[in-house]
Amino acid sequence: ILEHFWRYAGRVERVITFNGRNFDIPFLMMRSAMLKVKPTVNFMGKK
């Protein structure tokens, strides 16, 4: 799931979330690291 997500995410111009900066993105990045999956892009960015 994580590998497929990062593959799709790496192709898009922008992502849209609801509370993604505080939950979804950090969760995905940390969970990916735990499972040895490399994220393709950092959507945290700057405030």
All heavy atoms as atom14 arrays in JSON, in Angstrom:
{
  "sequence": "ILEHFWRYAGRVERVITFNGRNFDIPFLMMRSAMLKVKPTVNFMGKK",
  "atom14_mask": [
    [1, 1, 1, 1, 1, 1, 1, 1, 0, 0, 0, 0, 0, 0],
    [1, 1, 1, 1, 1, 1, 1, 1, 0, 0, 0, 0, 0, 0],
    [1, 1, 1, 1, 1, 1, 1, 1, 1, 0, 0, 0, 0, 0],
    [1, 1, 1, 1, 1, 1, 1, 1, 1, 1, 0, 0, 0, 0],
    [1, 1, 1, 1, 1, 1, 1, 1, 1, 1, 1, 0, 0, 0],
    [1, 1, 1, 1, 1, 1, 1, 1, 1, 1, 1, 1, 1, 1],
    [1, 1, 1, 1, 1, 1, 1, 1, 1, 1, 1, 0, 0, 0],
    [1, 1, 1, 1, 1, 1, 1, 1, 1, 1, 1, 1, 0, 0],
    [1, 1, 1, 1, 1, 0, 0, 0, 0, 0, 0, 0, 0, 0],
    [1, 1, 1, 1, 0, 0, 0, 0, 0, 0, 0, 0, 0, 0],
    [1, 1, 1, 1, 1, 1, 1, 1, 1, 1, 1, 0, 0, 0],
    [1, 1, 1, 1, 1, 1, 1, 0, 0, 0, 0, 0, 0, 0],
    [1, 1, 1, 1, 1, 1, 1, 1, 1, 0, 0, 0, 0, 0],
    [1, 1, 1, 1, 1, 1, 1, 1, 1, 1, 1, 0, 0, 0],
    [1, 1, 1, 1, 1, 1, 1, 0, 0, 0, 0, 0, 0, 0],
    [1, 1, 1, 1, 1, 1, 1, 1, 0, 0, 0, 0, 0, 0],
    [1, 1, 1, 1, 1, 1, 1, 0, 0, 0, 0, 0, 0, 0],
    [1, 1, 1, 1, 1, 1, 1, 1, 1, 1, 1, 0, 0, 0],
    [1, 1, 1, 1, 1, 1, 1, 1, 0, 0, 0, 0, 0, 0],
    [1, 1, 1, 1, 0, 0, 0, 0, 0, 0, 0, 0, 0, 0],
    [1, 1, 1, 1, 1, 1, 1, 1, 1, 1, 1, 0, 0, 0],
    [1, 1, 1, 1, 1, 1, 1, 1, 0, 0, 0, 0, 0, 0],
    [1, 1, 1, 1, 1, 1, 1, 1, 1, 1, 1, 0, 0, 0],
    [1, 1, 1, 1, 1, 1, 1, 1, 0, 0, 0, 0, 0, 0],
    [1, 1, 1, 1, 1, 1, 1, 1, 0, 0, 0, 0, 0, 0],
    [1, 1, 1, 1, 1, 1, 1, 0, 0, 0, 0, 0, 0, 0],
    [1, 1, 1, 1, 1, 1, 1, 1, 1, 1, 1, 0, 0, 0],
    [1, 1, 1, 1, 1, 1, 1, 1, 0, 0, 0, 0, 0, 0],
    [1, 1, 1, 1, 1, 1, 1, 1, 0, 0, 0, 0, 0, 0],
    [1, 1, 1, 1, 1, 1, 1, 1, 0, 0, 0, 0, 0, 0],
    [1, 1, 1, 1, 1, 1, 1, 1, 1, 1, 1, 0, 0, 0],
    [1, 1, 1, 1, 1, 1, 0, 0, 0, 0, 0, 0, 0, 0],
    [1, 1, 1, 1, 1, 0, 0, 0, 0, 0, 0, 0, 0, 0],
    [1, 1, 1, 1, 1, 1, 1, 1, 0, 0, 0, 0, 0, 0],
    [1, 1, 1, 1, 1, 1, 1, 1, 0, 0, 0, 0, 0, 0],
    [1, 1, 1, 1, 1, 1, 1, 1, 1, 0, 0, 0, 0, 0],
    [1, 1, 1, 1, 1, 1, 1, 0, 0, 0, 0, 0, 0, 0],
    [1, 1, 1, 1, 1, 1, 1, 1, 1, 0, 0, 0, 0, 0],
    [1, 1, 1, 1, 1, 1, 1, 0, 0, 0, 0, 0, 0, 0],
    [1, 1, 1, 1, 1, 1, 1, 0, 0, 0, 0, 0, 0, 0],
    [1, 1, 1, 1, 1, 1, 1, 0, 0, 0, 0, 0, 0, 0],
    [1, 1, 1, 1, 1, 1, 1, 1, 0, 0, 0, 0, 0, 0],
    [1, 1, 1, 1, 1, 1, 1, 1, 1, 1, 1, 0, 0, 0],
    [1, 1, 1, 1, 1, 1, 1, 1, 0, 0, 0, 0, 0, 0],
    [1, 1, 1, 1, 0, 0, 0, 0, 0, 0, 0, 0, 0, 0],
    [1, 1, 1, 1, 1, 1, 1, 1, 1, 0, 0, 0, 0, 0],
    [1, 1, 1, 1, 1, 1, 1, 1, 1, 0, 0, 0, 0, 0]
  ],
  "atom14_positions": [
    [[0.84, -1.2, 0.0], [0.0, 0.0, 0.0], [0.87, 1.25, 0.0], [0.66, 2.18, -0.79], [-0.93, 0.01, 1.23], [-2.01, -1.06, 1.08], [-1.59, 1.39, 1.39], [-2.88, -1.23, 2.33], [0.0, 0.0, 0.0], [0.0, 0.0, 0.0], [0.0, 0.0, 0.0], [0.0, 0.0, 0.0], [0.0, 0.0, 0.0], [0.0, 0.0, 0.0]],
    [[1.86, 1.26, 0.87], [2.74, 2.43, 0.98], [3.57, 2.6, -0.29], [3.75, 3.74, -0.78], [3.65, 2.27, 2.19], [2.93, 2.3, 3.55], [3.88, 1.9, 4.66], [2.33, 3.67, 3.82], [0.0, 0.0, 0.0], [0.0, 0.0, 0.0], [0.0, 0.0, 0.0], [0.0, 0.0, 0.0], [0.0, 0.0, 0.0], [0.0, 0.0, 0.0]],
    [[4.08, 1.52, -0.83], [4.88, 1.61, -2.06], [4.05, 2.15, -3.22], [4.51, 3.02, -3.98], [5.44, 0.23, -2.41], [6.52, -0.25, -1.45], [6.92, -1.7, -1.69], [6.1, -2.46, -2.28], [8.02, -2.08, -1.27], [0.0, 0.0, 0.0], [0.0, 0.0, 0.0], [0.0, 0.0, 0.0], [0.0, 0.0, 0.0], [0.0, 0.0, 0.0]],
    [[2.82, 1.66, -3.36], [1.94, 2.15, -4.42], [1.6, 3.62, -4.2], [1.57, 4.4, -5.16], [0.66, 1.32, -4.47], [0.8, 0.04, -5.22], [1.5, -1.03, -4.73], [0.32, -0.35, -6.43], [1.45, -2.02, -5.6], [0.74, -1.64, -6.64], [0.0, 0.0, 0.0], [0.0, 0.0, 0.0], [0.0, 0.0, 0.0], [0.0, 0.0, 0.0]],
    [[1.32, 3.99, -2.96], [0.97, 5.39, -2.69], [2.1, 6.33, -3.1], [1.86, 7.33, -3.79], [0.66, 5.6, -1.21], [0.57, 7.06, -0.84], [-0.56, 7.8, -1.16], [1.62, 7.72, -0.21], [-0.64, 9.16, -0.87], [1.55, 9.07, 0.1], [0.42, 9.79, -0.23], [0.0, 0.0, 0.0], [0.0, 0.0, 0.0], [0.0, 0.0, 0.0]],
    [[3.32, 6.04, -2.68], [4.43, 6.94, -3.0], [4.71, 6.97, -4.49], [5.15, 8.0, -5.04], [5.67, 6.53, -2.22], [5.56, 6.8, -0.75], [5.58, 5.89, 0.27], [5.4, 8.08, -0.12], [5.43, 6.52, 1.49], [5.32, 7.86, 1.28], [5.31, 9.38, -0.6], [5.17, 8.9, 2.2], [5.15, 10.43, 0.32], [5.08, 10.19, 1.69]],
    [[4.43, 5.86, -5.17], [4.6, 5.84, -6.62], [3.6, 6.79, -7.28], [3.96, 7.59, -8.15], [4.41, 4.42, -7.15], [4.88, 4.21, -8.59], [4.77, 2.75, -8.99], [5.53, 1.92, -8.06], [5.05, 0.82, -7.49], [3.8, 0.43, -7.73], [5.8, 0.11, -6.68], [0.0, 0.0, 0.0], [0.0, 0.0, 0.0], [0.0, 0.0, 0.0]],
    [[2.34, 6.74, -6.87], [1.33, 7.66, -7.41], [1.64, 9.1, -7.01], [1.57, 10.01, -7.83], [-0.06, 7.28, -6.88], [-0.62, 5.99, -7.42], [-1.2, 5.07, -6.56], [-0.58, 5.69, -8.77], [-1.73, 3.87, -7.04], [-1.1, 4.49, -9.26], [-1.67, 3.59, -8.38], [-2.19, 2.41, -8.85], [0.0, 0.0, 0.0], [0.0, 0.0, 0.0]],
    [[1.98, 9.29, -5.75], [2.2, 10.64, -5.23], [3.36, 11.34, -5.92], [3.37, 12.57, -6.07], [2.45, 10.58, -3.72], [0.0, 0.0, 0.0], [0.0, 0.0, 0.0], [0.0, 0.0, 0.0], [0.0, 0.0, 0.0], [0.0, 0.0, 0.0], [0.0, 0.0, 0.0], [0.0, 0.0, 0.0], [0.0, 0.0, 0.0], [0.0, 0.0, 0.0]],
    [[4.34, 10.56, -6.35], [5.49, 11.15, -7.01], [5.18, 11.71, -8.39], [6.0, 12.45, -8.96], [0.0, 0.0, 0.0], [0.0, 0.0, 0.0], [0.0, 0.0, 0.0], [0.0, 0.0, 0.0], [0.0, 0.0, 0.0], [0.0, 0.0, 0.0], [0.0, 0.0, 0.0], [0.0, 0.0, 0.0], [0.0, 0.0, 0.0], [0.0, 0.0, 0.0]],
    [[4.0, 11.41, -8.91], [3.64, 11.87, -10.26], [2.75, 13.11, -10.25], [2.47, 13.68, -11.31], [2.89, 10.76, -11.01], [3.66, 9.45, -11.14], [2.74, 8.37, -11.66], [3.39, 7.06, -11.72], [2.73, 5.92, -11.87], [1.41, 5.93, -11.99], [3.39, 4.78, -11.91], [0.0, 0.0, 0.0], [0.0, 0.0, 0.0], [0.0, 0.0, 0.0]],
    [[2.25, 13.52, -9.09], [1.25, 14.59, -9.05], [1.88, 15.94, -8.75], [2.97, 16.04, -8.17], [0.15, 14.28, -8.02], [-0.48, 12.93, -8.3], [0.7, 14.33, -6.6], [0.0, 0.0, 0.0], [0.0, 0.0, 0.0], [0.0, 0.0, 0.0], [0.0, 0.0, 0.0], [0.0, 0.0, 0.0], [0.0, 0.0, 0.0], [0.0, 0.0, 0.0]],
    [[1.16, 16.97, -9.16], [1.61, 18.34, -8.9], [1.41, 18.72, -7.44], [2.25, 19.4, -6.83], [0.82, 19.31, -9.79], [1.09, 20.78, -9.52], [0.15, 21.68, -10.31], [-0.59, 21.18, -11.17], [0.18, 22.9, -10.06], [0.0, 0.0, 0.0], [0.0, 0.0, 0.0], [0.0, 0.0, 0.0], [0.0, 0.0, 0.0], [0.0, 0.0, 0.0]],
    [[0.29, 18.24, -6.86], [-0.07, 18.68, -5.51], [-1.04, 17.69, -4.89], [-1.8, 17.03, -5.59], [-0.71, 20.07, -5.59], [-1.09, 20.7, -4.29], [-1.28, 22.2, -4.44], [-2.25, 22.56, -5.48], [-2.52, 23.81, -5.83], [-1.9, 24.8, -5.23], [-3.4, 24.06, -6.76], [0.0, 0.0, 0.0], [0.0, 0.0, 0.0], [0.0, 0.0, 0.0]],
    [[-0.99, 17.56, -3.57], [-1.97, 16.73, -2.86], [-2.9, 17.61, -2.05], [-2.52, 18.72, -1.61], [-1.29, 15.69, -1.94], [-0.51, 14.68, -2.75], [-0.41, 16.36, -0.89], [0.0, 0.0, 0.0], [0.0, 0.0, 0.0], [0.0, 0.0, 0.0], [0.0, 0.0, 0.0], [0.0, 0.0, 0.0], [0.0, 0.0, 0.0], [0.0, 0.0, 0.0]],
    [[-4.12, 17.12, -1.85], [-5.11, 17.82, -1.04], [-5.54, 16.89, 0.07], [-5.87, 15.73, -0.18], [-6.34, 18.23, -1.87], [-5.94, 19.28, -2.93], [-7.43, 18.8, -0.99], [-5.95, 18.76, -4.33], [0.0, 0.0, 0.0], [0.0, 0.0, 0.0], [0.0, 0.0, 0.0], [0.0, 0.0, 0.0], [0.0, 0.0, 0.0], [0.0, 0.0, 0.0]],
    [[-5.53, 17.39, 1.31], [-5.88, 16.57, 2.46], [-6.78, 17.37, 3.41], [-6.97, 18.57, 3.24], [-4.63, 16.13, 3.26], [-4.03, 17.29, 3.88], [-3.62, 15.44, 2.38], [0.0, 0.0, 0.0], [0.0, 0.0, 0.0], [0.0, 0.0, 0.0], [0.0, 0.0, 0.0], [0.0, 0.0, 0.0], [0.0, 0.0, 0.0], [0.0, 0.0, 0.0]],
    [[-7.29, 16.67, 4.41], [-7.95, 17.33, 5.53], [-7.18, 16.93, 6.78], [-7.23, 15.79, 7.18], [-9.43, 16.93, 5.64], [-10.17, 17.67, 6.73], [-10.79, 18.88, 6.46], [-10.22, 17.16, 8.02], [-11.46, 19.57, 7.46], [-10.87, 17.85, 9.03], [-11.49, 19.06, 8.75], [0.0, 0.0, 0.0], [0.0, 0.0, 0.0], [0.0, 0.0, 0.0]],
    [[-6.43, 17.85, 7.33], [-5.55, 17.62, 8.48], [-4.36, 16.74, 8.12], [-3.78, 16.07, 8.97], [-6.33, 16.99, 9.65], [-5.59, 17.14, 10.98], [-4.91, 18.13, 11.22], [-5.73, 16.16, 11.84], [0.0, 0.0, 0.0], [0.0, 0.0, 0.0], [0.0, 0.0, 0.0], [0.0, 0.0, 0.0], [0.0, 0.0, 0.0], [0.0, 0.0, 0.0]],
    [[-3.99, 16.76, 6.86], [-2.88, 15.93, 6.41], [-1.53, 16.34, 6.95], [-0.65, 15.49, 7.12], [0.0, 0.0, 0.0], [0.0, 0.0, 0.0], [0.0, 0.0, 0.0], [0.0, 0.0, 0.0], [0.0, 0.0, 0.0], [0.0, 0.0, 0.0], [0.0, 0.0, 0.0], [0.0, 0.0, 0.0], [0.0, 0.0, 0.0], [0.0, 0.0, 0.0]],
    [[-1.34, 17.63, 7.21], [-0.03, 18.07, 7.7], [0.2, 17.63, 9.14], [1.34, 17.38, 9.56], [0.11, 19.59, 7.59], [1.57, 20.07, 7.64], [1.65, 21.59, 7.54], [1.03, 22.08, 6.32], [1.67, 22.16, 5.15], [2.91, 21.75, 5.05], [1.06, 22.64, 4.09], [0.0, 0.0, 0.0], [0.0, 0.0, 0.0], [0.0, 0.0, 0.0]],
    [[-0.87, 17.53, 9.91], [-0.72, 17.12, 11.31], [-0.87, 15.61, 11.51], [-0.43, 15.09, 12.54], [-1.77, 17.83, 12.18], [-1.4, 19.27, 12.44], [-0.26, 19.58, 12.75], [-2.37, 20.15, 12.3], [0.0, 0.0, 0.0], [0.0, 0.0, 0.0], [0.0, 0.0, 0.0], [0.0, 0.0, 0.0], [0.0, 0.0, 0.0], [0.0, 0.0, 0.0]],
    [[-1.5, 14.93, 10.55], [-1.72, 13.49, 10.75], [-1.25, 12.63, 9.58], [-0.27, 11.9, 9.7], [-3.19, 13.22, 11.04], [-3.48, 11.76, 11.28], [-3.02, 11.13, 12.44], [-4.19, 11.0, 10.35], [-3.26, 9.77, 12.65], [-4.43, 9.65, 10.56], [-3.96, 9.03, 11.72], [0.0, 0.0, 0.0], [0.0, 0.0, 0.0], [0.0, 0.0, 0.0]],
    [[-1.93, 12.71, 8.44], [-1.7, 11.74, 7.37], [-0.25, 11.71, 6.87], [0.34, 10.62, 6.76], [-2.63, 12.05, 6.18], [-4.08, 12.02, 6.56], [-4.54, 12.95, 7.27], [-4.79, 11.09, 6.16], [0.0, 0.0, 0.0], [0.0, 0.0, 0.0], [0.0, 0.0, 0.0], [0.0, 0.0, 0.0], [0.0, 0.0, 0.0], [0.0, 0.0, 0.0]],
    [[0.3, 12.87, 6.55], [1.65, 12.88, 5.98], [2.7, 12.41, 7.0], [3.51, 11.53, 6.67], [2.0, 14.28, 5.45], [1.1, 14.63, 4.25], [3.47, 14.34, 5.02], [1.24, 13.73, 3.06], [0.0, 0.0, 0.0], [0.0, 0.0, 0.0], [0.0, 0.0, 0.0], [0.0, 0.0, 0.0], [0.0, 0.0, 0.0], [0.0, 0.0, 0.0]],
    [[2.75, 12.95, 8.23], [3.73, 12.43, 9.19], [3.56, 10.94, 9.46], [4.54, 10.21, 9.59], [3.47, 13.26, 10.45], [2.81, 14.5, 9.97], [1.98, 14.08, 8.79], [0.0, 0.0, 0.0], [0.0, 0.0, 0.0], [0.0, 0.0, 0.0], [0.0, 0.0, 0.0], [0.0, 0.0, 0.0], [0.0, 0.0, 0.0], [0.0, 0.0, 0.0]],
    [[2.3, 10.5, 9.55], [2.03, 9.09, 9.8], [2.6, 8.24, 8.66], [3.29, 7.23, 8.9], [0.52, 8.86, 9.93], [0.15, 7.52, 10.5], [-0.33, 7.42, 11.79], [0.28, 6.37, 9.76], [-0.67, 6.19, 12.35], [-0.05, 5.13, 10.28], [-0.53, 5.03, 11.58], [0.0, 0.0, 0.0], [0.0, 0.0, 0.0], [0.0, 0.0, 0.0]],
    [[2.32, 8.62, 7.42], [2.78, 7.85, 6.27], [4.31, 7.82, 6.19], [4.91, 6.79, 5.87], [2.21, 8.42, 4.98], [0.72, 8.17, 4.74], [0.25, 8.94, 3.51], [0.44, 6.68, 4.56], [0.0, 0.0, 0.0], [0.0, 0.0, 0.0], [0.0, 0.0, 0.0], [0.0, 0.0, 0.0], [0.0, 0.0, 0.0], [0.0, 0.0, 0.0]],
    [[4.93, 8.95, 6.47], [6.38, 9.0, 6.38], [7.04, 8.14, 7.46], [7.99, 7.39, 7.18], [6.87, 10.45, 6.46], [6.43, 11.29, 5.28], [7.13, 12.95, 5.23], [8.81, 12.59, 4.73], [0.0, 0.0, 0.0], [0.0, 0.0, 0.0], [0.0, 0.0, 0.0], [0.0, 0.0, 0.0], [0.0, 0.0, 0.0], [0.0, 0.0, 0.0]],
    [[6.53, 8.2, 8.68], [7.12, 7.4, 9.76], [6.82, 5.93, 9.56], [7.69, 5.06, 9.77], [6.58, 7.87, 11.11], [7.02, 9.27, 11.5], [8.81, 9.5, 11.45], [9.34, 8.32, 12.7], [0.0, 0.0, 0.0], [0.0, 0.0, 0.0], [0.0, 0.0, 0.0], [0.0, 0.0, 0.0], [0.0, 0.0, 0.0], [0.0, 0.0, 0.0]],
    [[5.6, 5.6, 9.14], [5.25, 4.21, 8.92], [6.06, 3.62, 7.76], [6.48, 2.47, 7.8], [3.75, 4.1, 8.64], [3.19, 2.7, 8.73], [3.27, 2.15, 10.14], [2.99, 0.72, 10.16], [3.3, -0.09, 11.15], [3.92, 0.37, 12.22], [3.01, -1.37, 11.08], [0.0, 0.0, 0.0], [0.0, 0.0, 0.0], [0.0, 0.0, 0.0]],
    [[6.28, 4.44, 6.74], [7.1, 4.0, 5.61], [8.53, 3.69, 6.07], [9.11, 2.68, 5.68], [7.11, 5.06, 4.52], [5.83, 5.23, 3.96], [0.0, 0.0, 0.0], [0.0, 0.0, 0.0], [0.0, 0.0, 0.0], [0.0, 0.0, 0.0], [0.0, 0.0, 0.0], [0.0, 0.0, 0.0], [0.0, 0.0, 0.0], [0.0, 0.0, 0.0]],
    [[9.07, 4.56, 6.91], [10.43, 4.34, 7.41], [10.51, 3.03, 8.2], [11.49, 2.29, 8.1], [10.87, 5.51, 8.28], [0.0, 0.0, 0.0], [0.0, 0.0, 0.0], [0.0, 0.0, 0.0], [0.0, 0.0, 0.0], [0.0, 0.0, 0.0], [0.0, 0.0, 0.0], [0.0, 0.0, 0.0], [0.0, 0.0, 0.0], [0.0, 0.0, 0.0]],
    [[9.47, 2.75, 8.98], [9.46, 1.53, 9.77], [9.44, 0.28, 8.89], [9.99, -0.76, 9.25], [8.25, 1.53, 10.71], [8.33, 2.59, 11.8], [6.81, 2.68, 12.78], [6.88, 1.1, 13.66], [0.0, 0.0, 0.0], [0.0, 0.0, 0.0], [0.0, 0.0, 0.0], [0.0, 0.0, 0.0], [0.0, 0.0, 0.0], [0.0, 0.0, 0.0]],
    [[8.79, 0.39, 7.71], [8.68, -0.75, 6.8], [9.72, -0.69, 5.68], [9.63, -1.45, 4.71], [7.28, -0.82, 6.22], [6.16, -1.11, 7.24], [4.8, -1.07, 6.57], [6.37, -2.46, 7.91], [0.0, 0.0, 0.0], [0.0, 0.0, 0.0], [0.0, 0.0, 0.0], [0.0, 0.0, 0.0], [0.0, 0.0, 0.0], [0.0, 0.0, 0.0]],
    [[10.68, 0.22, 5.82], [11.78, 0.36, 4.86], [11.29, 0.71, 3.46], [11.76, 0.18, 2.45], [12.61, -0.93, 4.81], [13.13, -1.4, 6.17], [14.05, -0.36, 6.79], [14.72, -0.87, 8.07], [13.77, -1.05, 9.19], [0.0, 0.0, 0.0], [0.0, 0.0, 0.0], [0.0, 0.0, 0.0], [0.0, 0.0, 0.0], [0.0, 0.0, 0.0]],
    [[10.32, 1.61, 3.41], [9.8, 2.14, 2.15], [10.24, 3.6, 2.04], [10.01, 4.39, 2.96], [8.26, 2.04, 2.08], [7.74, 2.7, 0.81], [7.82, 0.59, 2.14], [0.0, 0.0, 0.0], [0.0, 0.0, 0.0], [0.0, 0.0, 0.0], [0.0, 0.0, 0.0], [0.0, 0.0, 0.0], [0.0, 0.0, 0.0], [0.0, 0.0, 0.0]],
    [[10.84, 3.96, 0.94], [11.35, 5.31, 0.75], [10.29, 6.23, 0.14], [9.82, 5.98, -0.98], [12.58, 5.28, -0.17], [13.21, 6.63, -0.44], [13.92, 7.18, 0.77], [14.7, 8.45, 0.42], [15.38, 9.01, 1.61], [0.0, 0.0, 0.0], [0.0, 0.0, 0.0], [0.0, 0.0, 0.0], [0.0, 0.0, 0.0], [0.0, 0.0, 0.0]],
    [[9.9, 7.31, 0.83], [8.95, 8.26, 0.24], [9.57, 8.92, -1.0], [10.78, 9.11, -1.08], [8.74, 9.29, 1.36], [9.07, 8.54, 2.62], [10.19, 7.62, 2.24], [0.0, 0.0, 0.0], [0.0, 0.0, 0.0], [0.0, 0.0, 0.0], [0.0, 0.0, 0.0], [0.0, 0.0, 0.0], [0.0, 0.0, 0.0], [0.0, 0.0, 0.0]],
    [[8.74, 9.26, -1.96], [9.21, 9.88, -3.2], [9.21, 11.4, -3.11], [9.86, 12.07, -3.92], [8.33, 9.46, -4.37], [6.96, 9.78, -4.07], [8.45, 7.96, -4.63], [0.0, 0.0, 0.0], [0.0, 0.0, 0.0], [0.0, 0.0, 0.0], [0.0, 0.0, 0.0], [0.0, 0.0, 0.0], [0.0, 0.0, 0.0], [0.0, 0.0, 0.0]],
    [[8.45, 11.95, -2.17], [8.35, 13.41, -2.05], [7.95, 13.75, -0.62], [7.27, 12.97, 0.05], [7.3, 13.97, -3.06], [5.93, 13.38, -2.8], [7.27, 15.49, -3.05], [0.0, 0.0, 0.0], [0.0, 0.0, 0.0], [0.0, 0.0, 0.0], [0.0, 0.0, 0.0], [0.0, 0.0, 0.0], [0.0, 0.0, 0.0], [0.0, 0.0, 0.0]],
    [[8.39, 14.92, -0.15], [8.03, 15.38, 1.19], [6.93, 16.43, 1.07], [7.19, 17.56, 0.66], [9.25, 15.96, 1.9], [8.96, 16.39, 3.33], [7.82, 16.34, 3.78], [9.98, 16.81, 4.05], [0.0, 0.0, 0.0], [0.0, 0.0, 0.0], [0.0, 0.0, 0.0], [0.0, 0.0, 0.0], [0.0, 0.0, 0.0], [0.0, 0.0, 0.0]],
    [[5.7, 16.05, 1.42], [4.57, 16.96, 1.32], [4.37, 17.82, 2.57], [3.41, 18.57, 2.64], [3.28, 16.18, 1.03], [3.22, 15.61, -0.35], [3.16, 14.24, -0.55], [3.22, 16.44, -1.46], [3.1, 13.7, -1.82], [3.15, 15.91, -2.74], [3.09, 14.54, -2.93], [0.0, 0.0, 0.0], [0.0, 0.0, 0.0], [0.0, 0.0, 0.0]],
    [[5.24, 17.69, 3.55], [5.11, 18.54, 4.74], [5.35, 20.0, 4.37], [4.57, 20.88, 4.7], [6.09, 18.1, 5.82], [5.71, 16.8, 6.5], [4.1, 16.89, 7.33], [4.46, 18.05, 8.66], [0.0, 0.0, 0.0], [0.0, 0.0, 0.0], [0.0, 0.0, 0.0], [0.0, 0.0, 0.0], [0.0, 0.0, 0.0], [0.0, 0.0, 0.0]],
    [[6.44, 20.26, 3.67], [6.73, 21.61, 3.22], [6.82, 22.61, 4.35], [6.99, 22.26, 5.51], [0.0, 0.0, 0.0], [0.0, 0.0, 0.0], [0.0, 0.0, 0.0], [0.0, 0.0, 0.0], [0.0, 0.0, 0.0], [0.0, 0.0, 0.0], [0.0, 0.0, 0.0], [0.0, 0.0, 0.0], [0.0, 0.0, 0.0], [0.0, 0.0, 0.0]],
    [[6.66, 23.86, 4.01], [6.69, 24.94, 4.98], [5.28, 25.46, 5.23], [4.42, 25.4, 4.35], [7.58, 26.09, 4.5], [9.04, 25.71, 4.33], [9.85, 26.9, 3.84], [11.31, 26.52, 3.66], [12.12, 27.68, 3.17], [0.0, 0.0, 0.0], [0.0, 0.0, 0.0], [0.0, 0.0, 0.0], [0.0, 0.0, 0.0], [0.0, 0.0, 0.0]],
    [[5.06, 25.96, 6.42], [3.76, 26.52, 6.74], [3.44, 27.67, 5.79], [4.32, 28.45, 5.42], [3.75, 27.03, 8.19], [2.37, 27.36, 8.72], [2.42, 27.7, 10.2], [1.02, 27.96, 10.74], [1.03, 28.28, 12.19], [0.0, 0.0, 0.0], [0.0, 0.0, 0.0], [0.0, 0.0, 0.0], [0.0, 0.0, 0.0], [0.0, 0.0, 0.0]]
  ]
}
